[in-house]
Amino acid sequence: MQKHKIISFEVIDLRYPTVRLGMAGSDPRHLAPNYSCAITILRTDTGLEGRSLVFTVGDGTQIQKAAIEALQRFVVGRHLADFQEEPGLFAQALAEHHQLRWLALGVYRMAVGGVINALWDLWAKSEGVPMWKLLTSLPPAKIVQSIDFHHLRDVLTEDELLDMLQSRLGDRTANLSRLQADGVRVYSTAGWSGRPLDEVRSLCSGLYAAGTRAFKAKVGRGQQYDRARALDEDRRMLNTIREATGPDALLLTDANQNLGDWRNAASYMTELAEYKLLFIEEAIAYNDVLGHIELRKALAPVGIGVAGGEQAPDAVTFKQLLAGGGLTHCQIDGARVGGVNELFAIVAIAAKFGVPVCPHSGGIGLGQLVGAMSIFDQAWFGSDGRWLEYLEFLQAGVFVNPLQVTNGHWQLPSANGWGLEMEDDFVARYRYPEGPDTADTLEADRVAAAQPGAPPYVRFWA
């Protein structure tokens, strides 16, 4: 058995100028994002490479890159077997380093996740299987061993999770067979802030004809400055999507934390209740646990659910949101927390409280990461109430093995590992700062400042 000693560690800063795609990716808070990522590559003495990425939106990727690079001394010289034998302890060694942990959540925890996910990629490739197959084949004891329960035992213990998983072994087999045959149901985020309505109409019509039955729109851009203008913009977007699809299509909304406190969020979304929305995602601050609890209660009478989690930085935050009843839909992000290990914990807690996992994948490469986690979740806990976010751009021509969607379902990939290998030409063009077509931060600042509903502080960006 080869040990796969890690001999080198590289991090690439890659920035794609999304601002040139007609506002694709724009939302109420991130007015002109350039979809970017810090790519981690672990190389071994056997030629095998482990890859992962941490998604960013342009400027700041250099900070994420530096944080990941600070962890290389814990990885280079180690063998893959060190991680395979004690995945939970290895992850804790990074997340709980006695000095680096002072940096806390956010950039540092994302750096830990970048390294841990690259190790999982190496593991899957060493066995010659896609990531979803590795994760769904793990015995319950190995899943439990991967999780740090230190701050979670008040809602989920090791023994409790072990019992949960062992009781579902038969379900896992049946669910996995169904997922392999049908795929994972997706929704499309088509209604980006500021995207031309003709483009939205054309895209939604085509996706609906191809089998997609759920569509998401950004809402609430600039509502704190001109509520009437914002509501008018949102209604035009939602009407466009509804007209382009059909009465059986679900409508979802996302405010990217721009609706202020829970009272304002409840009032604003009630004015859009006529559209029969499945949920409002990130209505308020990601860490406003009490606000989420109150918002869910306030919106229940008008039938709008509350989704969140894409910026929740750790399992403890999810624990509070889920145990407190603040979410109807749990949105994990493959690059926000400490990697697969922490995602295992979040998925398990969501399952305990009966909250469906609908991952966030609005970013370059995130579909590959959370796609595998969706299969893990749905294999163990079923598919009821679950959708996977899908972006139609930055797949073909970017990844060697782009995601495939057929009849509104993401098809399980066959490429080994996460499937995050990118085309060499794409990396060369958009590598920062030397790539000839890499994103321009100053250009993005100018585009952001010109958007309707832009906050008054944008003048300080000039």
Protein backbone atom coordinates (compact mmCIF):
# COMPACT_ATOMS: atom_id res chain seq x y z
CA MET A 1 0.00 0.00 0.00
CA GLN A 2 1.45 3.35 -1.06
CA LYS A 3 1.73 5.94 1.70
CA HIS A 4 1.65 9.03 -0.55
CA LYS A 5 4.07 11.35 1.21
CA ILE A 6 3.19 15.02 0.66
CA ILE A 7 6.27 16.72 -0.75
CA SER A 8 5.01 20.13 -1.90
CA PHE A 9 2.21 22.58 -1.28
CA GLU A 10 1.02 25.29 -3.69
CA VAL A 11 -1.73 27.90 -3.45
CA ILE A 12 -2.96 29.74 -6.57
CA ASP A 13 -4.82 33.06 -6.51
CA LEU A 14 -7.31 32.92 -9.41
CA ARG A 15 -9.73 35.74 -10.26
CA TYR A 16 -12.33 35.68 -13.02
CA PRO A 17 -13.88 39.03 -14.12
CA THR A 18 -17.52 38.11 -13.50
CA VAL A 19 -18.46 41.80 -13.71
CA ARG A 20 -18.16 41.40 -17.48
CA LEU A 21 -20.91 38.74 -17.56
CA GLY A 22 -23.87 41.12 -17.45
CA MET A 23 -24.14 41.23 -13.64
CA ALA A 24 -24.18 37.45 -13.20
CA GLY A 25 -23.23 36.86 -9.58
CA SER A 26 -24.29 40.30 -8.33
CA ASP A 27 -26.39 40.49 -5.17
CA PRO A 28 -27.68 43.16 -2.75
CA ARG A 29 -24.43 43.27 -0.78
CA HIS A 30 -21.79 42.11 -3.26
CA LEU A 31 -22.65 44.54 -6.02
CA ALA A 32 -19.91 43.63 -8.51
CA PRO A 33 -18.18 40.40 -7.52
CA ASN A 34 -15.38 38.80 -9.48
CA TYR A 35 -15.71 35.08 -8.84
CA SER A 36 -12.34 33.99 -7.54
CA CYS A 37 -10.71 31.30 -5.45
CA ALA A 38 -7.59 30.26 -3.62
CA ILE A 39 -6.68 26.85 -5.05
CA THR A 40 -4.72 24.46 -2.83
CA ILE A 41 -2.63 21.73 -4.46
CA LEU A 42 -0.92 19.00 -2.41
CA ARG A 43 1.65 17.02 -4.39
CA THR A 44 2.95 13.62 -3.32
CA ASP A 45 5.98 11.46 -4.01
CA THR A 46 3.74 9.06 -5.98
CA GLY A 47 2.54 11.73 -8.41
CA LEU A 48 -0.94 11.91 -6.90
CA GLU A 49 -2.30 15.42 -6.26
CA GLY A 50 -4.93 16.57 -3.80
CA ARG A 51 -6.87 19.72 -4.75
CA SER A 52 -9.42 22.00 -3.18
CA LEU A 53 -10.45 25.62 -3.42
CA VAL A 54 -11.76 28.36 -1.18
CA PHE A 55 -14.22 30.64 -2.95
CA THR A 56 -13.84 34.42 -2.75
CA VAL A 57 -15.27 37.33 -4.73
CA GLY A 58 -12.12 39.11 -5.89
CA ASP A 59 -10.06 41.41 -3.71
CA GLY A 60 -9.08 39.62 -0.51
CA THR A 61 -8.11 36.38 -2.24
CA GLN A 62 -4.51 37.30 -1.45
CA ILE A 63 -5.39 37.23 2.26
CA GLN A 64 -7.04 33.82 1.94
CA LYS A 65 -4.02 32.53 0.02
CA ALA A 66 -1.64 33.68 2.76
CA ALA A 67 -3.76 32.02 5.44
CA ILE A 68 -3.69 28.69 3.61
CA GLU A 69 0.06 28.94 3.06
CA ALA A 70 0.56 29.39 6.80
CA LEU A 71 -0.61 25.79 7.25
CA GLN A 72 1.82 24.10 4.89
CA ARG A 73 4.31 23.24 7.66
CA PHE A 74 1.73 20.92 9.21
CA VAL A 75 1.17 19.04 5.95
CA VAL A 76 4.39 18.83 3.94
CA GLY A 77 6.33 15.76 5.02
CA ARG A 78 3.22 13.97 6.27
CA HIS A 79 1.71 10.90 4.67
CA LEU A 80 -1.88 10.58 3.53
CA ALA A 81 -2.19 7.68 5.96
CA ASP A 82 -1.68 10.10 8.86
CA PHE A 83 -4.95 11.77 7.88
CA GLN A 84 -6.81 8.59 6.95
CA GLU A 85 -6.09 6.98 10.31
CA GLU A 86 -7.12 9.98 12.43
CA PRO A 87 -9.06 12.47 10.30
CA GLY A 88 -10.69 14.19 13.25
CA LEU A 89 -7.49 14.62 15.22
CA PHE A 90 -5.64 15.89 12.14
CA ALA A 91 -8.33 18.52 11.51
CA GLN A 92 -8.24 19.59 15.15
CA ALA A 93 -4.46 19.99 14.95
CA LEU A 94 -5.00 22.70 12.34
CA ALA A 95 -8.16 24.35 13.68
CA GLU A 96 -6.97 24.34 17.29
CA HIS A 97 -3.29 25.28 16.91
CA HIS A 98 -2.46 27.13 20.12
CA GLN A 99 -1.42 30.34 18.31
CA LEU A 100 -3.17 30.29 14.94
CA ARG A 101 -6.57 29.60 16.53
CA TRP A 102 -6.44 33.15 17.95
CA LEU A 103 -7.33 34.32 14.44
CA ALA A 104 -10.65 32.52 15.03
CA LEU A 105 -13.33 31.99 12.41
CA GLY A 106 -13.62 33.41 8.92
CA VAL A 107 -10.46 33.48 6.85
CA TYR A 108 -8.53 31.14 9.14
CA ARG A 109 -11.26 28.50 9.43
CA MET A 110 -11.71 28.66 5.65
CA ALA A 111 -7.97 28.08 5.26
CA VAL A 112 -8.24 25.00 7.46
CA GLY A 113 -11.13 23.80 5.31
CA GLY A 114 -9.08 24.34 2.17
CA VAL A 115 -6.31 22.08 3.43
CA ILE A 116 -8.64 19.45 4.89
CA ASN A 117 -10.67 19.25 1.68
CA ALA A 118 -7.46 18.79 -0.34
CA LEU A 119 -6.57 15.85 1.91
CA TRP A 120 -9.99 14.31 1.31
CA ASP A 121 -9.40 14.77 -2.43
CA LEU A 122 -6.10 12.94 -2.09
CA TRP A 123 -7.86 10.16 -0.18
CA ALA A 124 -10.53 9.67 -2.85
CA LYS A 125 -7.95 9.68 -5.64
CA SER A 126 -5.81 7.15 -3.80
CA GLU A 127 -8.80 4.81 -3.91
CA GLY A 128 -9.69 5.73 -7.50
CA VAL A 129 -13.22 6.93 -6.72
CA PRO A 130 -15.27 10.16 -6.95
CA MET A 131 -15.64 12.06 -3.69
CA TRP A 132 -19.31 11.19 -3.31
CA LYS A 133 -18.46 7.49 -3.46
CA LEU A 134 -15.75 7.79 -0.81
CA LEU A 135 -17.98 9.78 1.55
CA THR A 136 -21.00 7.50 1.18
CA SER A 137 -18.88 4.37 1.67
CA LEU A 138 -17.37 5.46 4.99
CA PRO A 139 -18.45 3.29 7.92
CA PRO A 140 -20.42 5.12 10.62
CA ALA A 141 -17.55 4.88 13.09
CA LYS A 142 -15.18 6.69 10.70
CA ILE A 143 -17.69 9.52 10.20
CA VAL A 144 -18.04 9.90 13.97
CA GLN A 145 -14.25 9.79 14.36
CA SER A 146 -13.92 12.68 11.89
CA ILE A 147 -15.98 15.15 13.96
CA ASP A 148 -14.86 17.39 16.81
CA PHE A 149 -17.74 17.10 19.31
CA HIS A 150 -16.18 19.36 21.94
CA HIS A 151 -18.78 22.15 21.61
CA LEU A 152 -21.60 20.03 20.16
CA ARG A 153 -22.44 17.36 22.74
CA ASP A 154 -25.32 19.37 24.20
CA VAL A 155 -27.24 18.66 20.98
CA LEU A 156 -25.47 15.64 19.46
CA THR A 157 -23.14 13.06 21.03
CA GLU A 158 -20.85 10.49 19.46
CA ASP A 159 -23.07 7.60 20.55
CA GLU A 160 -26.21 9.33 19.31
CA LEU A 161 -24.76 9.93 15.84
CA LEU A 162 -23.40 6.40 15.67
CA ASP A 163 -26.86 5.03 16.44
CA MET A 164 -28.45 7.39 13.87
CA LEU A 165 -26.14 6.17 11.13
CA GLN A 166 -26.18 2.47 11.98
CA SER A 167 -29.98 2.49 11.96
CA ARG A 168 -29.93 3.95 8.44
CA LEU A 169 -27.49 1.60 6.72
CA GLY A 170 -30.28 0.00 4.71
CA ASP A 171 -31.72 3.39 3.77
CA ARG A 172 -28.28 4.54 2.64
CA THR A 173 -28.03 1.70 0.14
CA ALA A 174 -31.51 2.30 -1.30
CA ASN A 175 -31.13 6.08 -1.40
CA LEU A 176 -27.77 5.88 -3.10
CA SER A 177 -29.15 3.62 -5.81
CA ARG A 178 -31.92 6.13 -6.47
CA LEU A 179 -29.48 9.06 -6.56
CA GLN A 180 -27.25 7.23 -9.02
CA ALA A 181 -30.23 6.66 -11.28
CA ASP A 182 -31.93 10.05 -10.99
CA GLY A 183 -29.31 12.52 -9.78
CA VAL A 184 -29.75 15.39 -7.32
CA ARG A 185 -32.58 17.88 -7.85
CA VAL A 186 -31.32 21.42 -8.55
CA TYR A 187 -32.57 24.98 -8.51
CA SER A 188 -31.19 27.79 -10.62
CA THR A 189 -30.04 31.13 -9.27
CA ALA A 190 -31.01 33.11 -12.36
CA GLY A 191 -32.30 36.37 -10.90
CA TRP A 192 -29.10 38.17 -10.01
CA SER A 193 -29.32 41.80 -8.87
CA GLY A 194 -29.18 44.07 -11.89
CA ARG A 195 -29.24 41.27 -14.45
CA PRO A 196 -31.15 42.40 -17.56
CA LEU A 197 -34.69 41.02 -17.44
CA ASP A 198 -34.58 39.84 -21.05
CA GLU A 199 -31.55 37.73 -20.16
CA VAL A 200 -33.30 36.37 -17.06
CA ARG A 201 -36.40 35.53 -19.12
CA SER A 202 -34.41 33.70 -21.78
CA LEU A 203 -32.33 31.76 -19.26
CA CYS A 204 -35.28 30.70 -17.11
CA SER A 205 -37.35 29.70 -20.12
CA GLY A 206 -34.55 27.49 -21.41
CA LEU A 207 -33.86 25.91 -18.03
CA TYR A 208 -37.55 25.27 -17.44
CA ALA A 209 -37.85 23.58 -20.82
CA ALA A 210 -34.86 21.42 -19.86
CA GLY A 211 -36.51 20.25 -16.64
CA THR A 212 -35.51 22.69 -13.90
CA ARG A 213 -38.46 23.49 -11.64
CA ALA A 214 -37.07 25.88 -9.01
CA PHE A 215 -35.59 29.35 -9.50
CA LYS A 216 -34.06 31.90 -7.15
CA ALA A 217 -33.97 35.69 -7.30
CA LYS A 218 -32.00 38.24 -5.31
CA VAL A 219 -34.19 40.72 -3.42
CA GLY A 220 -33.87 43.80 -1.26
CA ARG A 221 -31.09 45.65 -3.07
CA GLY A 222 -30.94 49.16 -1.62
CA GLN A 223 -34.15 48.73 0.38
CA GLN A 224 -32.66 50.62 3.31
CA TYR A 225 -32.34 53.72 1.11
CA ASP A 226 -35.45 53.48 -1.10
CA ARG A 227 -37.88 50.74 -0.12
CA ALA A 228 -40.40 51.46 -2.88
CA ARG A 229 -37.74 51.30 -5.60
CA ALA A 230 -36.38 48.03 -4.19
CA LEU A 231 -39.80 46.38 -4.00
CA ASP A 232 -40.60 47.46 -7.56
CA GLU A 233 -37.31 45.97 -8.76
CA ASP A 234 -38.01 42.72 -6.92
CA ARG A 235 -41.55 42.41 -8.27
CA ARG A 236 -40.36 42.93 -11.83
CA MET A 237 -37.74 40.21 -11.37
CA LEU A 238 -40.15 37.73 -9.78
CA ASN A 239 -42.82 38.43 -12.42
CA THR A 240 -40.25 37.84 -15.15
CA ILE A 241 -39.22 34.48 -13.71
CA ARG A 242 -42.83 33.39 -13.18
CA GLU A 243 -43.82 34.35 -16.72
CA ALA A 244 -40.81 32.53 -18.17
CA THR A 245 -41.50 29.30 -16.32
CA GLY A 246 -44.81 27.87 -15.21
CA PRO A 247 -47.25 27.58 -12.31
CA ASP A 248 -45.47 24.46 -11.06
CA ALA A 249 -42.13 26.26 -10.69
CA LEU A 250 -40.96 27.11 -7.18
CA LEU A 251 -39.70 30.62 -6.47
CA LEU A 252 -36.94 31.18 -3.93
CA THR A 253 -35.42 34.47 -2.76
CA ASP A 254 -32.12 35.62 -1.28
CA ALA A 255 -31.27 38.98 0.34
CA ASN A 256 -27.62 38.35 1.24
CA GLN A 257 -28.19 39.76 4.75
CA ASN A 258 -29.45 43.09 3.41
CA LEU A 259 -32.86 43.30 5.12
CA GLY A 260 -31.54 44.61 8.43
CA ASP A 261 -33.17 43.31 11.63
CA TRP A 262 -35.80 40.60 11.73
CA ARG A 263 -38.73 43.01 12.06
CA ASN A 264 -37.82 44.88 8.89
CA ALA A 265 -37.09 41.60 7.10
CA ALA A 266 -40.49 40.20 8.06
CA SER A 267 -42.27 43.36 6.92
CA TYR A 268 -40.39 43.49 3.63
CA MET A 269 -40.89 39.82 2.74
CA THR A 270 -44.58 39.93 3.67
CA GLU A 271 -44.99 42.42 0.83
CA LEU A 272 -43.69 39.73 -1.55
CA ALA A 273 -45.75 36.88 -0.09
CA GLU A 274 -48.11 36.94 -3.09
CA TYR A 275 -45.41 35.09 -5.07
CA LYS A 276 -45.76 31.98 -2.85
CA LEU A 277 -42.05 31.90 -2.04
CA LEU A 278 -40.45 28.74 -0.69
CA PHE A 279 -37.98 30.70 1.45
CA ILE A 280 -36.01 33.87 1.98
CA GLU A 281 -32.31 33.12 2.24
CA GLU A 282 -29.95 35.21 4.34
CA ALA A 283 -32.54 37.85 5.14
CA ILE A 284 -30.51 39.11 8.11
CA ALA A 285 -26.99 38.81 9.53
CA TYR A 286 -25.71 35.22 9.36
CA ASN A 287 -24.90 35.16 13.10
CA ASP A 288 -28.13 36.77 14.32
CA VAL A 289 -29.45 33.56 15.85
CA LEU A 290 -32.21 35.23 17.86
CA GLY A 291 -33.25 37.21 14.80
CA HIS A 292 -33.57 34.04 12.72
CA ILE A 293 -35.77 32.44 15.36
CA GLU A 294 -38.10 35.45 15.46
CA LEU A 295 -38.11 35.81 11.67
CA ARG A 296 -39.15 32.22 11.15
CA LYS A 297 -42.08 32.70 13.52
CA ALA A 298 -43.05 36.00 11.88
CA LEU A 299 -43.05 34.59 8.33
CA ALA A 300 -44.79 31.31 9.12
CA PRO A 301 -48.31 32.79 8.71
CA VAL A 302 -47.51 33.90 5.13
CA GLY A 303 -45.85 30.59 4.26
CA ILE A 304 -42.30 31.81 3.65
CA GLY A 305 -39.49 29.68 5.05
CA VAL A 306 -36.16 30.93 6.38
CA ALA A 307 -32.92 29.65 4.87
CA GLY A 308 -29.37 30.45 5.88
CA GLY A 309 -25.88 29.23 6.53
CA GLU A 310 -23.68 30.07 3.56
CA GLN A 311 -21.63 32.46 5.72
CA ALA A 312 -22.13 30.68 9.04
CA PRO A 313 -18.49 30.03 9.97
CA ASP A 314 -18.64 26.86 12.06
CA ALA A 315 -20.74 24.00 13.37
CA VAL A 316 -21.46 25.84 16.63
CA THR A 317 -23.27 28.62 14.76
CA PHE A 318 -25.30 26.01 12.87
CA LYS A 319 -26.02 24.22 16.15
CA GLN A 320 -27.67 27.35 17.53
CA LEU A 321 -29.59 28.14 14.34
CA LEU A 322 -30.90 24.58 14.04
CA ALA A 323 -31.55 23.71 17.68
CA GLY A 324 -33.18 27.11 18.19
CA GLY A 325 -35.58 26.60 15.30
CA GLY A 326 -34.25 29.50 13.25
CA LEU A 327 -34.06 27.71 9.89
CA THR A 328 -36.44 25.82 7.65
CA HIS A 329 -33.61 25.10 5.18
CA CYS A 330 -29.95 24.58 6.08
CA GLN A 331 -27.47 25.96 3.55
CA ILE A 332 -24.03 24.49 3.97
CA ASP A 333 -21.12 25.88 1.97
CA GLY A 334 -18.25 23.61 0.97
CA ALA A 335 -15.54 26.22 1.52
CA ARG A 336 -16.80 28.30 4.46
CA VAL A 337 -16.23 25.97 7.42
CA GLY A 338 -13.41 23.59 8.34
CA GLY A 339 -13.89 21.15 5.50
CA VAL A 340 -15.65 17.80 5.18
CA ASN A 341 -15.15 16.96 8.85
CA GLU A 342 -17.14 19.96 10.07
CA LEU A 343 -19.72 19.49 7.31
CA PHE A 344 -20.37 15.97 8.61
CA ALA A 345 -21.34 17.52 11.95
CA ILE A 346 -23.59 20.18 10.41
CA VAL A 347 -25.43 17.70 8.19
CA ALA A 348 -25.97 15.39 11.16
CA ILE A 349 -27.34 18.18 13.38
CA ALA A 350 -29.67 19.32 10.60
CA ALA A 351 -30.93 15.75 10.23
CA LYS A 352 -31.57 15.46 13.97
CA PHE A 353 -33.79 18.55 13.89
CA GLY A 354 -35.51 17.59 10.64
CA VAL A 355 -34.18 20.52 8.61
CA PRO A 356 -33.42 19.73 4.94
CA VAL A 357 -29.96 20.60 3.63
CA CYS A 358 -30.04 22.82 0.52
CA PRO A 359 -26.39 23.72 -0.10
CA HIS A 360 -25.06 27.04 -1.30
CA SER A 361 -23.02 26.70 -4.48
CA GLY A 362 -23.12 30.23 -5.87
CA GLY A 363 -19.45 30.43 -6.70
CA ILE A 364 -16.70 28.94 -8.80
CA GLY A 365 -16.12 25.30 -7.86
CA LEU A 366 -18.64 25.27 -5.03
CA GLY A 367 -20.96 22.98 -6.97
CA GLN A 368 -18.27 20.30 -7.03
CA LEU A 369 -17.73 20.59 -3.28
CA VAL A 370 -21.31 20.66 -2.06
CA GLY A 371 -22.51 18.28 -4.75
CA ALA A 372 -20.61 15.47 -3.05
CA MET A 373 -21.91 16.60 0.35
CA SER A 374 -25.48 16.63 -1.00
CA ILE A 375 -25.10 13.02 -2.04
CA PHE A 376 -23.71 12.17 1.40
CA ASP A 377 -26.64 13.90 3.10
CA GLN A 378 -29.32 12.46 0.83
CA ALA A 379 -27.86 8.95 0.91
CA TRP A 380 -28.09 8.88 4.70
CA PHE A 381 -31.12 11.08 5.36
CA GLY A 382 -33.23 11.13 2.19
CA SER A 383 -34.10 13.78 -0.39
CA ASP A 384 -37.32 15.29 0.96
CA GLY A 385 -37.33 19.09 0.76
CA ARG A 386 -33.84 19.20 -0.69
CA TRP A 387 -32.43 21.08 -3.69
CA LEU A 388 -28.88 21.79 -4.81
CA GLU A 389 -28.09 25.27 -6.12
CA TYR A 390 -26.73 25.26 -9.67
CA LEU A 391 -25.08 28.00 -11.71
CA GLU A 392 -25.11 27.65 -15.47
CA PHE A 393 -21.87 29.61 -15.92
CA LEU A 394 -18.21 28.92 -15.03
CA GLN A 395 -18.38 25.17 -15.64
CA ALA A 396 -17.75 24.33 -19.31
CA GLY A 397 -14.35 25.62 -20.38
CA VAL A 398 -13.31 25.99 -16.74
CA PHE A 399 -13.24 22.49 -15.29
CA VAL A 400 -11.84 19.43 -16.99
CA ASN A 401 -14.94 17.58 -15.76
CA PRO A 402 -17.76 20.18 -15.60
CA LEU A 403 -20.97 19.47 -13.73
CA GLN A 404 -23.73 17.91 -15.80
CA VAL A 405 -27.44 18.63 -15.27
CA THR A 406 -30.12 16.58 -17.03
CA ASN A 407 -33.86 17.08 -16.61
CA GLY A 408 -33.32 19.38 -13.64
CA HIS A 409 -31.04 16.94 -11.81
CA TRP A 410 -27.29 17.08 -11.22
CA GLN A 411 -25.75 13.87 -12.47
CA LEU A 412 -23.33 12.06 -10.18
CA PRO A 413 -19.80 12.58 -11.56
CA SER A 414 -17.36 9.83 -12.44
CA ALA A 415 -14.11 11.81 -12.07
CA ASN A 416 -11.99 10.83 -9.08
CA GLY A 417 -11.90 13.15 -6.09
CA TRP A 418 -13.79 16.45 -6.08
CA GLY A 419 -13.35 16.95 -9.83
CA LEU A 420 -11.82 20.40 -9.29
CA GLU A 421 -9.07 20.14 -11.90
CA MET A 422 -9.23 23.21 -14.14
CA GLU A 423 -8.25 23.64 -17.76
CA ASP A 424 -4.62 24.82 -17.97
CA ASP A 425 -5.54 27.68 -20.31
CA PHE A 426 -8.19 28.97 -17.92
CA VAL A 427 -5.76 29.04 -15.00
CA ALA A 428 -3.10 30.76 -17.10
CA ARG A 429 -5.51 33.48 -18.24
CA TYR A 430 -6.99 34.32 -14.84
CA ARG A 431 -4.18 33.64 -12.39
CA TYR A 432 -3.59 36.75 -10.30
CA PRO A 433 -1.74 39.00 -10.82
CA GLU A 434 0.12 37.71 -13.88
CA GLY A 435 -2.77 36.35 -15.97
CA PRO A 436 -3.52 38.52 -19.02
CA ASP A 437 -7.30 38.47 -18.41
CA THR A 438 -7.39 38.38 -14.62
CA ALA A 439 -9.96 40.49 -12.78
CA ASP A 440 -9.44 44.20 -12.18
CA THR A 441 -10.46 45.28 -8.67
CA LEU A 442 -10.73 48.97 -9.56
CA GLU A 443 -13.03 48.14 -12.47
CA ALA A 444 -15.27 46.20 -10.09
CA ASP A 445 -15.35 49.11 -7.64
CA ARG A 446 -16.52 51.43 -10.41
CA VAL A 447 -19.23 49.00 -11.54
CA ALA A 448 -20.43 48.56 -7.96
CA ALA A 449 -20.64 52.29 -7.32
CA ALA A 450 -22.82 52.75 -10.42
CA GLN A 451 -25.49 50.22 -9.39
CA PRO A 452 -29.02 51.34 -8.45
CA GLY A 453 -29.40 51.10 -4.70
CA ALA A 454 -25.66 51.33 -4.08
CA PRO A 455 -24.96 52.51 -0.51
CA PRO A 456 -23.64 56.04 0.04
CA TYR A 457 -20.31 54.80 1.35
CA VAL A 458 -19.25 53.62 -2.11
CA ARG A 459 -17.83 57.10 -2.72
CA PHE A 460 -14.94 56.17 -0.43
CA TRP A 461 -13.95 53.38 -2.83
CA ALA A 462 -12.96 55.83 -5.56
